[in-house]
Protein backbone atom coordinates (compact mmCIF):
# COMPACT_ATOMS: atom_id res chain seq x y z
CA MET A 1 -5.80 -32.01 20.90
CA ARG A 2 -7.76 -28.85 21.62
CA SER A 3 -9.96 -28.55 24.71
CA GLY A 4 -13.75 -28.31 24.50
CA GLN A 5 -13.52 -24.65 25.53
CA GLU A 6 -11.10 -23.87 22.66
CA VAL A 7 -13.32 -25.66 20.14
CA ALA A 8 -16.40 -23.82 21.43
CA SER A 9 -14.53 -20.53 21.19
CA THR A 10 -13.52 -21.27 17.58
CA VAL A 11 -17.09 -22.22 16.63
CA ALA A 12 -18.42 -19.07 18.27
CA GLY A 13 -15.87 -16.95 16.39
CA GLN A 14 -16.83 -18.54 13.05
CA THR A 15 -20.51 -17.94 13.81
CA ARG A 16 -19.83 -14.25 14.56
CA TRP A 17 -17.88 -13.99 11.29
CA ARG A 18 -20.79 -15.45 9.30
CA GLU A 19 -23.23 -13.11 11.03
CA THR A 20 -20.99 -10.12 10.35
CA GLU A 21 -20.62 -11.15 6.69
CA ARG A 22 -24.33 -10.55 6.31
CA GLY A 23 -23.89 -7.03 7.67
CA THR A 24 -21.00 -4.59 7.22
CA ILE A 25 -18.60 -7.17 5.81
CA GLY A 26 -21.24 -8.43 3.38
CA HIS A 27 -21.74 -4.90 2.12
CA CYS A 28 -17.97 -4.36 1.72
CA ILE A 29 -17.64 -7.60 -0.24
CA ASP A 30 -20.57 -6.69 -2.49
CA VAL A 31 -19.01 -3.31 -3.27
CA ALA A 32 -15.64 -4.92 -4.05
CA ARG A 33 -17.27 -7.42 -6.39
CA SER A 34 -18.97 -4.59 -8.28
CA ILE A 35 -15.68 -2.85 -9.15
CA ARG A 36 -14.65 -3.23 -12.75
CA ASP A 37 -11.19 -4.53 -13.64
CA ILE A 38 -10.26 -5.11 -10.00
CA ARG A 39 -7.02 -7.05 -9.52
CA ARG A 40 -7.80 -10.05 -7.29
CA VAL A 41 -5.11 -12.07 -5.51
CA SER A 42 -5.59 -15.14 -3.33
CA LEU A 43 -2.63 -14.95 -0.96
CA GLY A 44 -0.72 -18.00 0.21
CA PRO A 45 2.52 -20.03 -0.04
CA GLU A 46 1.22 -21.60 -3.25
CA ARG A 47 2.11 -18.28 -4.92
CA LEU A 48 5.75 -19.36 -4.42
CA PRO A 49 6.98 -16.35 -2.43
CA SER A 50 10.72 -15.93 -1.90
CA PRO A 51 12.14 -18.07 0.94
CA VAL A 52 13.56 -16.07 3.82
CA CYS A 53 14.56 -18.67 6.39
CA GLU A 54 13.20 -22.00 7.57
CA GLY A 55 9.41 -21.74 7.78
CA VAL A 56 9.27 -18.15 6.51
CA ALA A 57 8.67 -16.80 2.99
CA ALA A 58 7.71 -13.35 1.72
CA GLU A 59 6.56 -11.42 -1.32
CA SER A 60 5.89 -7.78 -2.18
CA ILE A 61 3.06 -6.49 -4.36
CA ALA A 62 3.16 -3.04 -5.94
CA LEU A 63 0.07 -1.22 -7.20
CA GLY A 64 -0.27 1.69 -9.56
CA CYS A 65 -2.21 4.86 -8.86
CA ARG A 66 -5.97 4.21 -8.67
CA GLU A 67 -5.52 0.50 -9.42
CA PRO A 68 -8.36 -1.45 -7.75
CA PHE A 69 -7.04 -4.38 -5.68
CA GLU A 70 -8.55 -7.17 -3.63
CA SER A 71 -6.78 -9.89 -1.64
CA ASP A 72 -7.98 -12.75 0.52
CA TYR A 73 -6.41 -15.46 2.66
CA CYS A 74 -7.29 -18.38 4.90
CA GLY A 75 -4.69 -21.11 5.38
CA PRO A 76 -2.41 -23.11 7.67
CA HIS A 77 0.28 -20.41 7.77
CA HIS A 78 0.30 -17.19 9.78
CA LEU A 79 0.29 -14.09 7.59
CA LEU A 80 1.94 -10.75 8.42
CA ILE A 81 1.00 -7.82 6.16
CA ALA A 82 3.00 -4.58 6.05
CA HIS A 83 1.67 -1.62 4.08
CA GLU A 84 4.74 0.43 3.24
CA ARG A 85 2.65 3.11 1.61
CA LEU A 86 -1.07 2.94 1.03
CA THR A 87 -3.73 5.62 1.06
CA ARG A 88 -7.10 4.46 -0.14
CA ARG A 89 -10.03 6.67 -0.98
CA ARG A 90 -12.28 3.69 -0.52
CA GLY A 91 -11.78 0.20 0.82
CA CYS A 92 -12.31 -2.26 3.64
CA THR A 93 -10.19 -4.67 5.68
CA MET A 94 -11.94 -7.70 7.16
CA LEU A 95 -10.30 -10.12 9.58
CA GLU A 96 -12.25 -12.83 11.37
CA GLY A 97 -12.80 -11.99 15.04
CA LEU A 98 -12.34 -8.22 14.62
CA PRO A 99 -14.59 -5.38 13.40
CA ALA A 100 -14.23 -4.43 9.72
CA SER A 101 -11.97 -1.41 9.15
CA THR A 102 -12.46 1.29 6.51
CA ARG A 103 -9.43 3.30 7.64
CA GLU A 104 -8.07 5.33 4.72
CA SER A 105 -4.39 5.89 5.57
CA LEU A 106 -2.68 2.52 6.02
CA THR A 107 0.91 3.68 5.49
CA ARG A 108 3.34 2.04 7.96
CA THR A 109 0.63 -0.18 9.44
CA LEU A 110 0.80 -3.92 10.09
CA THR A 111 -1.88 -6.61 10.09
CA PHE A 112 -1.45 -10.08 11.55
CA VAL A 113 -3.64 -13.00 10.43
CA PRO A 114 -3.23 -16.14 12.58
CA ALA A 115 -3.39 -19.47 10.76
CA GLY A 116 -6.92 -20.63 10.03
CA LEU A 117 -8.63 -17.23 10.24
CA LYS A 118 -10.36 -15.60 7.26
CA PHE A 119 -8.92 -12.37 5.85
CA ARG A 120 -10.11 -10.17 3.00
CA GLU A 121 -9.07 -6.65 1.97
CA TRP A 122 -9.84 -4.38 -0.97
CA HIS A 123 -9.08 -0.80 -1.84
CA LEU A 124 -9.02 1.93 -4.46
CA CYS A 125 -5.69 3.73 -4.04
CA ASP A 126 -5.00 7.40 -4.65
CA VAL A 127 -1.25 6.92 -5.05
CA PRO A 128 1.10 4.07 -6.05
CA SER A 129 1.39 1.65 -3.14
CA ARG A 130 3.53 -1.25 -1.98
CA THR A 131 2.71 -4.06 0.47
CA THR A 132 4.86 -6.90 1.81
CA TYR A 133 3.30 -10.25 2.77
CA VAL A 134 5.19 -12.61 5.10
CA TYR A 135 4.04 -16.23 5.44
CA ILE A 136 5.03 -18.08 8.63
CA ASP A 137 4.70 -21.85 9.00
CA PRO A 138 3.78 -22.52 12.67
CA ARG A 139 5.21 -26.05 12.36
CA ALA A 140 8.72 -24.88 11.51
CA ALA A 141 11.46 -25.97 13.92
CA ILE A 142 12.82 -22.41 14.02
CA LEU A 143 9.71 -21.39 16.00
CA ALA A 144 10.38 -23.86 18.81
CA ASP A 145 11.89 -21.09 20.94
CA GLU A 146 8.86 -18.87 20.33
CA PRO A 147 5.97 -20.82 21.94
CA CYS A 148 3.47 -18.05 21.19
CA PHE A 149 3.44 -19.20 17.55
CA ALA A 150 2.12 -22.65 18.47
CA GLY A 151 -1.57 -23.42 18.98
CA PRO A 152 -4.52 -21.01 19.02
CA SER A 153 -2.87 -18.43 21.33
CA LEU A 154 -2.19 -15.70 18.76
CA SER A 155 -4.54 -12.76 18.49
CA PRO A 156 -5.63 -11.30 15.14
CA ARG A 157 -4.60 -7.65 14.75
CA VAL A 158 -5.53 -5.05 12.16
CA HIS A 159 -3.58 -1.90 11.27
CA PHE A 160 -1.33 -1.82 14.34
CA GLU A 161 2.09 -0.25 14.71
CA SER A 162 5.36 -1.62 16.05
CA ALA A 163 8.60 0.20 15.30
CA GLY A 164 10.87 -2.83 15.72
CA LEU A 165 8.71 -5.18 13.67
CA TRP A 166 8.15 -2.53 11.00
CA HIS A 167 11.86 -1.90 10.44
CA SER A 168 12.52 -5.65 10.18
CA VAL A 169 9.83 -6.08 7.53
CA ILE A 170 11.06 -3.08 5.53
CA LYS A 171 14.66 -4.34 5.56
CA LEU A 172 13.41 -7.72 4.38
CA GLY A 173 11.36 -6.06 1.64
CA ARG A 174 14.42 -4.18 0.40
CA VAL A 175 16.38 -7.43 0.17
CA LEU A 176 13.56 -9.12 -1.75
CA GLU A 177 13.25 -6.13 -4.06
CA ALA A 178 16.97 -6.21 -4.86
CA HIS A 179 16.92 -10.00 -5.41
CA GLU A 180 20.01 -10.35 -3.22
CA GLU A 181 20.53 -14.08 -3.65
CA ALA A 182 24.20 -13.63 -2.80
CA CYS A 183 23.37 -12.84 0.85
CA PRO A 184 21.32 -15.85 2.06
CA HIS A 185 22.71 -15.59 5.60
CA TYR A 186 21.67 -11.93 5.87
CA ARG A 187 18.19 -12.77 4.60
CA SER A 188 17.92 -15.66 7.06
CA ALA A 189 19.07 -13.42 9.93
CA LEU A 190 16.43 -10.85 9.02
CA GLY A 191 13.80 -13.59 9.10
CA VAL A 192 14.85 -14.71 12.59
CA ILE A 193 14.82 -11.10 13.86
CA LEU A 194 11.38 -10.54 12.31
CA LEU A 195 10.00 -13.62 14.08
CA HIS A 196 11.42 -12.41 17.38
CA GLU A 197 9.91 -8.94 16.93
CA LEU A 198 6.54 -10.46 16.02
CA ALA A 199 6.68 -12.65 19.13
CA GLN A 200 7.12 -9.50 21.25
CA VAL A 201 3.78 -8.11 20.13
CA ASN A 202 1.91 -11.38 20.77
CA VAL A 203 1.33 -13.21 24.04
CA PRO A 204 -0.40 -16.47 24.94
CA GLY A 205 -4.02 -16.42 26.00
CA ASP A 206 -6.55 -13.76 25.12
CA GLY A 207 -4.01 -11.09 24.16
CA ALA A 208 -4.83 -8.93 27.18
CA ALA A 209 -1.24 -7.73 27.46
CA VAL A 210 -0.72 -7.10 23.75
CA ARG A 211 -0.62 -3.40 23.09
CA THR A 212 1.00 -0.92 20.81
CA GLN A 213 3.54 1.10 22.80
CA GLY A 214 1.38 3.43 24.91
CA GLY A 215 -1.80 2.14 23.24
CA LEU A 216 -4.71 -0.10 24.11
CA ALA A 217 -4.36 -3.84 24.62
CA ALA A 218 -5.87 -6.13 21.98
CA TRP A 219 -8.95 -6.96 24.08
CA GLN A 220 -9.50 -3.24 24.78
CA ARG A 221 -9.28 -2.29 21.09
CA HIS A 222 -11.67 -5.07 20.19
CA ALA A 223 -14.20 -4.25 22.93
CA VAL A 224 -14.20 -0.51 22.26
CA ALA A 225 -14.39 -0.82 18.46
CA GLN A 226 -17.24 -3.35 18.68
CA TYR A 227 -19.14 -1.13 21.13
CA LEU A 228 -18.75 1.94 18.91
CA GLN A 229 -19.93 0.04 15.83
CA ALA A 230 -22.90 -1.44 17.70
CA HIS A 231 -23.94 2.01 18.99
CA VAL A 232 -22.94 4.08 15.99
CA THR A 233 -26.13 6.18 16.05
CA GLU A 234 -25.97 6.96 19.77
CA SER A 235 -24.16 9.67 21.69
CA ILE A 236 -21.27 7.99 23.52
CA SER A 237 -19.10 9.66 26.15
CA VAL A 238 -15.37 9.14 26.49
CA ALA A 239 -16.01 8.25 30.13
CA ALA A 240 -18.22 5.33 29.06
CA LEU A 241 -15.57 4.01 26.68
CA ALA A 242 -12.84 4.45 29.31
CA SER A 243 -14.93 2.41 31.75
CA LEU A 244 -15.31 -0.31 29.12
CA ALA A 245 -11.51 -0.43 28.75
CA ARG A 246 -11.01 -0.22 32.54
CA LEU A 247 -8.88 2.91 32.26
CA SER A 248 -9.13 6.47 33.52
CA ARG A 249 -10.59 8.92 31.04
CA TYR A 250 -7.21 10.66 30.65
CA HIS A 251 -5.21 7.49 29.97
CA PHE A 252 -7.92 6.07 27.73
CA GLY A 253 -7.95 9.15 25.49
CA ARG A 254 -4.17 9.01 24.99
CA ALA A 255 -4.09 5.21 24.50
CA PHE A 256 -6.98 5.29 22.03
CA LYS A 257 -5.24 7.88 19.87
CA VAL A 258 -2.02 5.83 19.84
CA SER A 259 -3.93 2.69 18.78
CA PHE A 260 -6.30 4.20 16.22
CA GLY A 261 -4.48 7.37 15.17
CA ILE A 262 -7.45 9.64 15.96
CA SER A 263 -9.57 10.64 18.96
CA PRO A 264 -12.57 8.55 20.11
CA HIS A 265 -14.95 11.30 19.00
CA ARG A 266 -13.48 11.47 15.51
CA PHE A 267 -13.42 7.67 15.21
CA HIS A 268 -17.10 7.55 16.15
CA SER A 269 -17.87 10.31 13.63
CA GLN A 270 -16.04 8.40 10.90
CA LEU A 271 -18.12 5.29 11.64
CA ARG A 272 -21.29 7.37 11.31
CA LEU A 273 -20.17 8.87 8.01
CA GLU A 274 -19.10 5.49 6.62
CA ARG A 275 -22.58 4.18 7.49
CA ALA A 276 -24.05 7.23 5.75
CA LYS A 277 -21.99 6.46 2.62
CA GLU A 278 -23.37 2.91 2.61
CA LEU A 279 -26.93 4.23 2.80
CA LEU A 280 -26.31 6.84 0.11
CA VAL A 281 -24.95 4.15 -2.22
CA GLY A 282 -27.20 1.23 -1.34
CA SER A 283 -30.57 2.81 -0.62
CA ARG A 284 -32.99 5.41 -1.91
CA LEU A 285 -33.63 6.95 1.49
CA PRO A 286 -33.94 10.75 1.51
CA ILE A 287 -30.97 12.66 2.93
CA THR A 288 -33.05 13.69 5.97
CA GLU A 289 -33.80 10.07 6.88
CA ILE A 290 -30.17 9.05 6.40
CA ALA A 291 -29.09 11.86 8.73
CA LEU A 292 -31.43 10.55 11.44
CA GLU A 293 -30.40 6.95 10.75
CA VAL A 294 -26.74 7.69 11.51
CA GLY A 295 -27.40 9.75 14.63
CA PHE A 296 -27.67 13.37 13.41
CA HIS A 297 -30.68 15.28 14.69
CA GLU A 298 -30.40 17.97 12.02
CA THR A 299 -29.88 17.55 8.29
CA SER A 300 -27.79 20.73 8.21
CA SER A 301 -25.29 19.43 10.79
CA PHE A 302 -25.10 16.10 8.93
CA SER A 303 -24.44 17.82 5.59
CA MET A 304 -21.78 20.03 7.17
CA ALA A 305 -19.98 17.08 8.78
CA PHE A 306 -20.20 15.02 5.59
CA ARG A 307 -18.82 17.82 3.44
CA ARG A 308 -16.01 18.53 5.90
CA ALA A 309 -14.97 14.85 5.80
CA THR A 310 -15.39 14.14 2.08
CA GLY A 311 -15.35 17.51 0.34
CA HIS A 312 -18.81 16.79 -1.08
CA THR A 313 -22.40 17.25 0.07
CA PRO A 314 -24.42 14.05 0.58
CA SER A 315 -26.41 14.80 -2.58
CA SER A 316 -23.36 15.37 -4.79
CA TYR A 317 -21.70 12.25 -3.33
CA ARG A 318 -24.75 10.16 -4.24
CA ARG A 319 -24.86 11.61 -7.76
CA SER A 320 -21.16 11.03 -8.37
CA VAL A 321 -21.51 7.38 -7.30
CA VAL A 322 -24.04 6.79 -10.04
CA GLU A 323 -21.92 8.59 -12.65
CA SER A 324 -18.41 7.38 -11.71
CA PRO A 325 -16.75 4.88 -14.13
CA ASP A 326 -14.69 3.28 -11.33
CA THR A 327 -17.31 0.80 -10.18
CA GLY A 328 -20.24 -1.10 -11.52
CA ASN A 329 -22.50 0.82 -9.12
CA GLY A 330 -20.38 3.91 -9.54
CA GLY A 331 -17.60 4.93 -7.17
CA PRO A 332 -17.14 7.58 -4.54
CA PRO A 333 -15.71 10.96 -5.47
CA ARG A 334 -12.13 11.65 -4.68
């Protein structure tokens, strides 16, 4: 029986998700729905993934070059996602309780979806990709020694890194790929090791102690990412972000780069440019107004930053979207 506080927290989280769906997530979903011939997969145990050990099953999905793909999940099992290789020129990852991510390079990243939370992801890939999905039944007896898997204590995580957990998933993927039915004990052992590694990157409570080695804790990543998205048009100092994470400026800069793969300044710039792409695709605003809307005081500096990031000027990007055959509304240039 969950406490009133836990129920209230769940309701609040679902309300935030619905509100966000009408904003950035809603836009991402609309774009995904407009893509022609997109391969859509509803993830879950009903897809009959290969059994690994008691309470654990897994499957791998391979995609061809430039094959549009969308997946979604919400169910009673935990879901661990490992992108072995994936570089997308366009896409979005949405996990209830966390800001939407449009990160392009997802190679060697992991995403964890606790049971009951909504997940959706889509992408247009530049190169052939492969992803492994691991389903974990929180009711399985094998998890009795890992109490963090029981109840609402697990924190959702998007595109994080963990060397130990990564190697366990990859080994499991290789076994699944080879269809090694003759080694059930080895497969089962890999499943137990994977569960143990996953338990090491999750803790009970609010996830305050969960952090990538040398990176930010889960609550810090969440707070900083939400703040940057909410103030995407403003000038934000590293000192202000460090204060939000309760770290010194020096340690915050290093920890942020470990967690997100880039500096705070570049992350903020990417958010601005992603917002600019949305406006270029979904509105008829002049380039000058879009530049001001995303926090650039001069159109020239906006155009320069946009071209440096995408290889195209804002005007040529907008034209190519209309002309591209990849999507119903057009698609972004490579």
